[in-house]
Amino acid sequence: MTIRVVIAEDEAIIRLDLKETLEEEGYEVVGETGRGDKAIELVRELRPDLVILDVKMPGLDGIEAARIISADRICGVLMLTAFSQREVIEQARDAGALAYLLKPFQKSDLIPAIEVAIGRFRELQNLTGEIDSLGEQLESRKVIERAKGVLMDDCGLREQDAFTFIQRTAMSERSRMREVADRIIAGALRP
């Protein structure tokens, strides 16, 4: 699968050089701009795998653009800049940049930085998915516990019997225990 990239660099010659280098290496440049605000629009519209942002750009600087793009969780962010001050690097990191590359860059530095940014973004996506899944499981557990309490209070069932009723009903209806629990709490289902 070809990795799709948006480039946001205000210096046209660097942008062109970057595009040529990326295409030579098999990446697909799907959008390019010299403005930070336009970079956000392109990323939201084109949904690339990676955006390469210059720190200093008109419209909106790369750090603020990185912050917005990272918050949207659309793609990985690689910062490209001539500034190597620790403060700028920390701002980029805090804005969600997953890799950082200094200009003038070498092809031998660019490709690993891209791969690191994309790899880190995929790891973050996986972790986010796991966190969402765990949150969903916890929420289901709470609903099932509440439904057990309803069955224990309203129907005089023991805790294990309440759980068994929810479990068996879900199995016989081929539904999820959470759905059965929701119906019990709503008063639509009793043993």
C-alpha atoms as a PDB file:
ATOM      1  CA  MET A   1       0.000   0.000   0.000  1.00  0.00           C
ATOM      2  CA  THR A   2       1.403   3.385  -1.019  1.00  0.00           C
ATOM      3  CA  ILE A   3       1.928   5.883   1.770  1.00  0.00           C
ATOM      4  CA  ARG A   4       0.098   9.143   1.034  1.00  0.00           C
ATOM      5  CA  VAL A   5       1.699  12.434   2.098  1.00  0.00           C
ATOM      6  CA  VAL A   6       0.688  16.101   2.313  1.00  0.00           C
ATOM      7  CA  ILE A   7       3.537  18.627   2.277  1.00  0.00           C
ATOM      8  CA  ALA A   8       3.206  22.056   3.913  1.00  0.00           C
ATOM      9  CA  GLU A   9       6.352  24.096   3.303  1.00  0.00           C
ATOM     10  CA  ASP A  10       6.329  27.813   2.467  1.00  0.00           C
ATOM     11  CA  GLU A  11       9.543  27.741   0.423  1.00  0.00           C
ATOM     12  CA  ALA A  12       8.555  26.493  -3.040  1.00  0.00           C
ATOM     13  CA  ILE A  13      12.012  25.150  -3.913  1.00  0.00           C
ATOM     14  CA  ILE A  14      12.168  23.028  -0.743  1.00  0.00           C
ATOM     15  CA  ARG A  15       8.596  21.854  -1.304  1.00  0.00           C
ATOM     16  CA  LEU A  16       9.478  20.766  -4.860  1.00  0.00           C
ATOM     17  CA  ASP A  17      12.656  19.020  -3.700  1.00  0.00           C
ATOM     18  CA  LEU A  18      10.721  17.243  -0.962  1.00  0.00           C
ATOM     19  CA  LYS A  19       8.019  16.137  -3.406  1.00  0.00           C
ATOM     20  CA  GLU A  20      10.559  14.775  -5.891  1.00  0.00           C
ATOM     21  CA  THR A  21      12.458  12.928  -3.160  1.00  0.00           C
ATOM     22  CA  LEU A  22       9.277  11.382  -1.769  1.00  0.00           C
ATOM     23  CA  GLU A  23       8.029  10.292  -5.184  1.00  0.00           C
ATOM     24  CA  GLU A  24      11.425   8.768  -6.032  1.00  0.00           C
ATOM     25  CA  GLU A  25      11.117   6.718  -2.838  1.00  0.00           C
ATOM     26  CA  GLY A  26       7.633   5.454  -3.727  1.00  0.00           C
ATOM     27  CA  TYR A  27       5.511   7.782  -1.586  1.00  0.00           C
ATOM     28  CA  GLU A  28       2.478   9.483  -3.110  1.00  0.00           C
ATOM     29  CA  VAL A  29       2.286  13.253  -2.558  1.00  0.00           C
ATOM     30  CA  VAL A  30      -1.466  13.908  -2.556  1.00  0.00           C
ATOM     31  CA  GLY A  31      -1.380  17.590  -1.610  1.00  0.00           C
ATOM     32  CA  GLU A  32       0.975  20.486  -1.086  1.00  0.00           C
ATOM     33  CA  THR A  33       0.751  24.019   0.219  1.00  0.00           C
ATOM     34  CA  GLY A  34       2.815  26.838   1.643  1.00  0.00           C
ATOM     35  CA  ARG A  35       0.333  27.739   4.378  1.00  0.00           C
ATOM     36  CA  GLY A  36      -0.446  26.143   7.743  1.00  0.00           C
ATOM     37  CA  ASP A  37      -4.198  26.819   7.583  1.00  0.00           C
ATOM     38  CA  LYS A  38      -4.394  25.276   4.104  1.00  0.00           C
ATOM     39  CA  ALA A  39      -2.430  22.250   5.379  1.00  0.00           C
ATOM     40  CA  ILE A  40      -5.208  21.518   7.873  1.00  0.00           C
ATOM     41  CA  GLU A  41      -7.828  21.754   5.114  1.00  0.00           C
ATOM     42  CA  LEU A  42      -5.828  19.420   2.856  1.00  0.00           C
ATOM     43  CA  VAL A  43      -5.303  16.864   5.625  1.00  0.00           C
ATOM     44  CA  ARG A  44      -8.995  16.856   6.546  1.00  0.00           C
ATOM     45  CA  GLU A  45     -10.020  16.562   2.903  1.00  0.00           C
ATOM     46  CA  LEU A  46      -7.397  14.089   1.625  1.00  0.00           C
ATOM     47  CA  ARG A  47      -6.821  12.014   4.792  1.00  0.00           C
ATOM     48  CA  PRO A  48      -3.150  11.178   4.105  1.00  0.00           C
ATOM     49  CA  ASP A  49      -0.953   8.820   6.140  1.00  0.00           C
ATOM     50  CA  LEU A  50       1.467  11.637   6.943  1.00  0.00           C
ATOM     51  CA  VAL A  51       1.732  15.418   6.842  1.00  0.00           C
ATOM     52  CA  ILE A  52       5.101  17.126   6.680  1.00  0.00           C
ATOM     53  CA  LEU A  53       4.884  20.595   8.236  1.00  0.00           C
ATOM     54  CA  ASP A  54       7.380  23.426   8.223  1.00  0.00           C
ATOM     55  CA  VAL A  55       7.398  25.260  11.557  1.00  0.00           C
ATOM     56  CA  LYS A  56       7.321  28.797  10.130  1.00  0.00           C
ATOM     57  CA  MET A  57       4.509  29.339   7.611  1.00  0.00           C
ATOM     58  CA  PRO A  58       1.991  32.073   6.844  1.00  0.00           C
ATOM     59  CA  GLY A  59      -1.664  31.636   7.748  1.00  0.00           C
ATOM     60  CA  LEU A  60      -0.902  29.421  10.712  1.00  0.00           C
ATOM     61  CA  ASP A  61       2.450  28.166  11.891  1.00  0.00           C
ATOM     62  CA  GLY A  62       3.323  24.490  11.654  1.00  0.00           C
ATOM     63  CA  ILE A  63       3.196  23.931  15.403  1.00  0.00           C
ATOM     64  CA  GLU A  64      -0.385  25.161  15.678  1.00  0.00           C
ATOM     65  CA  ALA A  65      -1.322  23.184  12.537  1.00  0.00           C
ATOM     66  CA  ALA A  66       0.306  20.083  14.100  1.00  0.00           C
ATOM     67  CA  ARG A  67      -1.726  20.612  17.280  1.00  0.00           C
ATOM     68  CA  ILE A  68      -5.003  20.697  15.330  1.00  0.00           C
ATOM     69  CA  ILE A  69      -4.140  17.775  13.033  1.00  0.00           C
ATOM     70  CA  SER A  70      -2.951  15.657  15.973  1.00  0.00           C
ATOM     71  CA  ALA A  71      -6.134  16.415  17.912  1.00  0.00           C
ATOM     72  CA  ASP A  72      -8.176  15.223  14.910  1.00  0.00           C
ATOM     73  CA  ARG A  73      -6.124  11.971  14.858  1.00  0.00           C
ATOM     74  CA  ILE A  74      -6.096  11.920  11.071  1.00  0.00           C
ATOM     75  CA  CYS A  75      -2.448  11.203  10.288  1.00  0.00           C
ATOM     76  CA  GLY A  76       1.108  11.237  11.541  1.00  0.00           C
ATOM     77  CA  VAL A  77       2.919  14.587  11.770  1.00  0.00           C
ATOM     78  CA  LEU A  78       6.549  15.169  10.782  1.00  0.00           C
ATOM     79  CA  MET A  79       7.985  18.619  11.522  1.00  0.00           C
ATOM     80  CA  LEU A  80      10.546  20.032   9.103  1.00  0.00           C
ATOM     81  CA  THR A  81      12.390  23.154  10.146  1.00  0.00           C
ATOM     82  CA  ALA A  82      15.601  25.115  10.153  1.00  0.00           C
ATOM     83  CA  PHE A  83      15.219  25.735  13.894  1.00  0.00           C
ATOM     84  CA  SER A  84      17.015  23.385  16.239  1.00  0.00           C
ATOM     85  CA  GLN A  85      16.388  25.225  19.516  1.00  0.00           C
ATOM     86  CA  ARG A  86      15.214  22.907  22.255  1.00  0.00           C
ATOM     87  CA  GLU A  87      12.179  25.124  22.928  1.00  0.00           C
ATOM     88  CA  VAL A  88      10.905  24.765  19.337  1.00  0.00           C
ATOM     89  CA  ILE A  89      11.487  21.004  19.397  1.00  0.00           C
ATOM     90  CA  GLU A  90       9.560  20.713  22.682  1.00  0.00           C
ATOM     91  CA  GLN A  91       6.704  22.812  21.284  1.00  0.00           C
ATOM     92  CA  ALA A  92       6.535  20.543  18.240  1.00  0.00           C
ATOM     93  CA  ARG A  93       6.536  17.425  20.411  1.00  0.00           C
ATOM     94  CA  ASP A  94       3.829  18.848  22.655  1.00  0.00           C
ATOM     95  CA  ALA A  95       1.766  19.735  19.569  1.00  0.00           C
ATOM     96  CA  GLY A  96       1.797  16.077  18.517  1.00  0.00           C
ATOM     97  CA  ALA A  97       4.720  15.893  16.105  1.00  0.00           C
ATOM     98  CA  LEU A  98       5.912  12.300  15.976  1.00  0.00           C
ATOM     99  CA  ALA A  99       9.228  13.050  14.274  1.00  0.00           C
ATOM    100  CA  TYR A 100      11.390  16.120  13.668  1.00  0.00           C
ATOM    101  CA  LEU A 101      13.786  16.831  10.831  1.00  0.00           C
ATOM    102  CA  LEU A 102      16.185  19.745  10.414  1.00  0.00           C
ATOM    103  CA  LYS A 103      16.715  21.605   7.142  1.00  0.00           C
ATOM    104  CA  PRO A 104      18.699  21.196   5.044  1.00  0.00           C
ATOM    105  CA  PHE A 105      17.750  17.524   5.167  1.00  0.00           C
ATOM    106  CA  GLN A 106      19.364  14.539   3.493  1.00  0.00           C
ATOM    107  CA  LYS A 107      17.323  11.800   1.850  1.00  0.00           C
ATOM    108  CA  SER A 108      19.071   9.385   4.206  1.00  0.00           C
ATOM    109  CA  ASP A 109      17.520  11.297   7.155  1.00  0.00           C
ATOM    110  CA  LEU A 110      14.113  11.986   5.604  1.00  0.00           C
ATOM    111  CA  ILE A 111      12.988   8.406   4.938  1.00  0.00           C
ATOM    112  CA  PRO A 112      13.716   7.102   8.476  1.00  0.00           C
ATOM    113  CA  ALA A 113      11.975  10.171   9.962  1.00  0.00           C
ATOM    114  CA  ILE A 114       8.902   9.460   7.804  1.00  0.00           C
ATOM    115  CA  GLU A 115       8.851   5.806   8.781  1.00  0.00           C
ATOM    116  CA  VAL A 116       9.224   6.682  12.476  1.00  0.00           C
ATOM    117  CA  ALA A 117       6.350   9.185  12.296  1.00  0.00           C
ATOM    118  CA  ILE A 118       4.067   6.729  10.495  1.00  0.00           C
ATOM    119  CA  GLY A 119       5.008   3.875  12.833  1.00  0.00           C
ATOM    120  CA  ARG A 120       4.358   5.983  15.923  1.00  0.00           C
ATOM    121  CA  PHE A 121       1.033   7.166  14.515  1.00  0.00           C
ATOM    122  CA  ARG A 122      -0.082   3.572  13.902  1.00  0.00           C
ATOM    123  CA  GLU A 123       0.946   2.624  17.440  1.00  0.00           C
ATOM    124  CA  LEU A 124      -1.083   5.534  18.813  1.00  0.00           C
ATOM    125  CA  GLN A 125      -4.087   4.488  16.734  1.00  0.00           C
ATOM    126  CA  ASN A 126      -3.826   0.933  18.077  1.00  0.00           C
ATOM    127  CA  LEU A 127      -3.519   2.176  21.657  1.00  0.00           C
ATOM    128  CA  THR A 128      -6.468   4.507  21.176  1.00  0.00           C
ATOM    129  CA  GLY A 129      -8.501   1.595  19.817  1.00  0.00           C
ATOM    130  CA  GLU A 130      -7.546  -0.542  22.820  1.00  0.00           C
ATOM    131  CA  ILE A 131      -8.430   2.271  25.239  1.00  0.00           C
ATOM    132  CA  ASP A 132     -11.799   2.769  23.537  1.00  0.00           C
ATOM    133  CA  SER A 133     -12.439  -0.974  23.660  1.00  0.00           C
ATOM    134  CA  LEU A 134     -11.519  -1.163  27.350  1.00  0.00           C
ATOM    135  CA  GLY A 135     -13.750   1.826  28.088  1.00  0.00           C
ATOM    136  CA  GLU A 136     -16.600   0.129  26.285  1.00  0.00           C
ATOM    137  CA  GLN A 137     -16.012  -3.104  28.214  1.00  0.00           C
ATOM    138  CA  LEU A 138     -15.971  -1.211  31.510  1.00  0.00           C
ATOM    139  CA  GLU A 139     -19.188   0.604  30.612  1.00  0.00           C
ATOM    140  CA  SER A 140     -20.850  -2.715  29.669  1.00  0.00           C
ATOM    141  CA  ARG A 141     -19.678  -4.227  32.957  1.00  0.00           C
ATOM    142  CA  LYS A 142     -21.296  -1.336  34.882  1.00  0.00           C
ATOM    143  CA  VAL A 143     -24.600  -1.746  33.024  1.00  0.00           C
ATOM    144  CA  ILE A 144     -24.611  -5.517  33.621  1.00  0.00           C
ATOM    145  CA  GLU A 145     -23.893  -4.957  37.339  1.00  0.00           C
ATOM    146  CA  ARG A 146     -26.768  -2.462  37.509  1.00  0.00           C
ATOM    147  CA  ALA A 147     -29.095  -4.945  35.771  1.00  0.00           C
ATOM    148  CA  LYS A 148     -28.073  -7.659  38.230  1.00  0.00           C
ATOM    149  CA  GLY A 149     -28.961  -5.283  41.056  1.00  0.00           C
ATOM    150  CA  VAL A 150     -32.388  -4.648  39.511  1.00  0.00           C
ATOM    151  CA  LEU A 151     -33.056  -8.402  39.223  1.00  0.00           C
ATOM    152  CA  MET A 152     -31.884  -8.964  42.796  1.00  0.00           C
ATOM    153  CA  ASP A 153     -34.075  -6.131  44.155  1.00  0.00           C
ATOM    154  CA  ASP A 154     -37.191  -6.558  41.984  1.00  0.00           C
ATOM    155  CA  CYS A 155     -37.214 -10.339  41.517  1.00  0.00           C
ATOM    156  CA  GLY A 156     -35.443 -11.547  44.649  1.00  0.00           C
ATOM    157  CA  LEU A 157     -32.746 -13.356  42.670  1.00  0.00           C
ATOM    158  CA  ARG A 158     -29.350 -14.165  44.110  1.00  0.00           C
ATOM    159  CA  GLU A 159     -26.420 -12.409  42.394  1.00  0.00           C
ATOM    160  CA  GLN A 160     -25.257 -15.559  40.563  1.00  0.00           C
ATOM    161  CA  ASP A 161     -28.804 -16.325  39.392  1.00  0.00           C
ATOM    162  CA  ALA A 162     -29.229 -12.752  38.111  1.00  0.00           C
ATOM    163  CA  PHE A 163     -25.966 -13.033  36.183  1.00  0.00           C
ATOM    164  CA  THR A 164     -26.929 -16.451  34.804  1.00  0.00           C
ATOM    165  CA  PHE A 165     -30.298 -15.054  33.636  1.00  0.00           C
ATOM    166  CA  ILE A 166     -28.591 -12.208  31.760  1.00  0.00           C
ATOM    167  CA  GLN A 167     -26.002 -14.543  30.265  1.00  0.00           C
ATOM    168  CA  ARG A 168     -28.473 -17.238  29.165  1.00  0.00           C
ATOM    169  CA  THR A 169     -30.907 -14.681  27.727  1.00  0.00           C
ATOM    170  CA  ALA A 170     -28.094 -13.134  25.678  1.00  0.00           C
ATOM    171  CA  MET A 171     -27.016 -16.559  24.423  1.00  0.00           C
ATOM    172  CA  SER A 172     -30.536 -17.687  23.515  1.00  0.00           C
ATOM    173  CA  GLU A 173     -31.308 -14.408  21.719  1.00  0.00           C
ATOM    174  CA  ARG A 174     -27.824 -14.247  20.167  1.00  0.00           C
ATOM    175  CA  SER A 175     -27.391 -10.747  21.526  1.00  0.00           C
ATOM    176  CA  ARG A 176     -24.881  -9.074  23.776  1.00  0.00           C
ATOM    177  CA  MET A 177     -25.189  -9.168  27.549  1.00  0.00           C
ATOM    178  CA  ARG A 178     -25.119  -5.371  27.527  1.00  0.00           C
ATOM    179  CA  GLU A 179     -28.260  -5.269  25.350  1.00  0.00           C
ATOM    180  CA  VAL A 180     -30.077  -7.671  27.696  1.00  0.00           C
ATOM    181  CA  ALA A 181     -28.967  -5.603  30.691  1.00  0.00           C
ATOM    182  CA  ASP A 182     -30.254  -2.411  29.060  1.00  0.00           C
ATOM    183  CA  ARG A 183     -33.691  -4.039  28.612  1.00  0.00           C
ATOM    184  CA  ILE A 184     -33.730  -5.197  32.239  1.00  0.00           C
ATOM    185  CA  ILE A 185     -32.868  -1.694  33.490  1.00  0.00           C
ATOM    186  CA  ALA A 186     -35.580  -0.193  31.231  1.00  0.00           C
ATOM    187  CA  GLY A 187     -38.103  -2.612  32.793  1.00  0.00           C
ATOM    188  CA  ALA A 188     -38.752  -4.406  29.486  1.00  0.00           C
ATOM    189  CA  LEU A 189     -37.380  -7.791  30.536  1.00  0.00           C
ATOM    190  CA  ARG A 190     -37.848  -9.933  33.615  1.00  0.00           C
ATOM    191  CA  PRO A 191     -37.357 -13.661  34.317  1.00  0.00           C
END
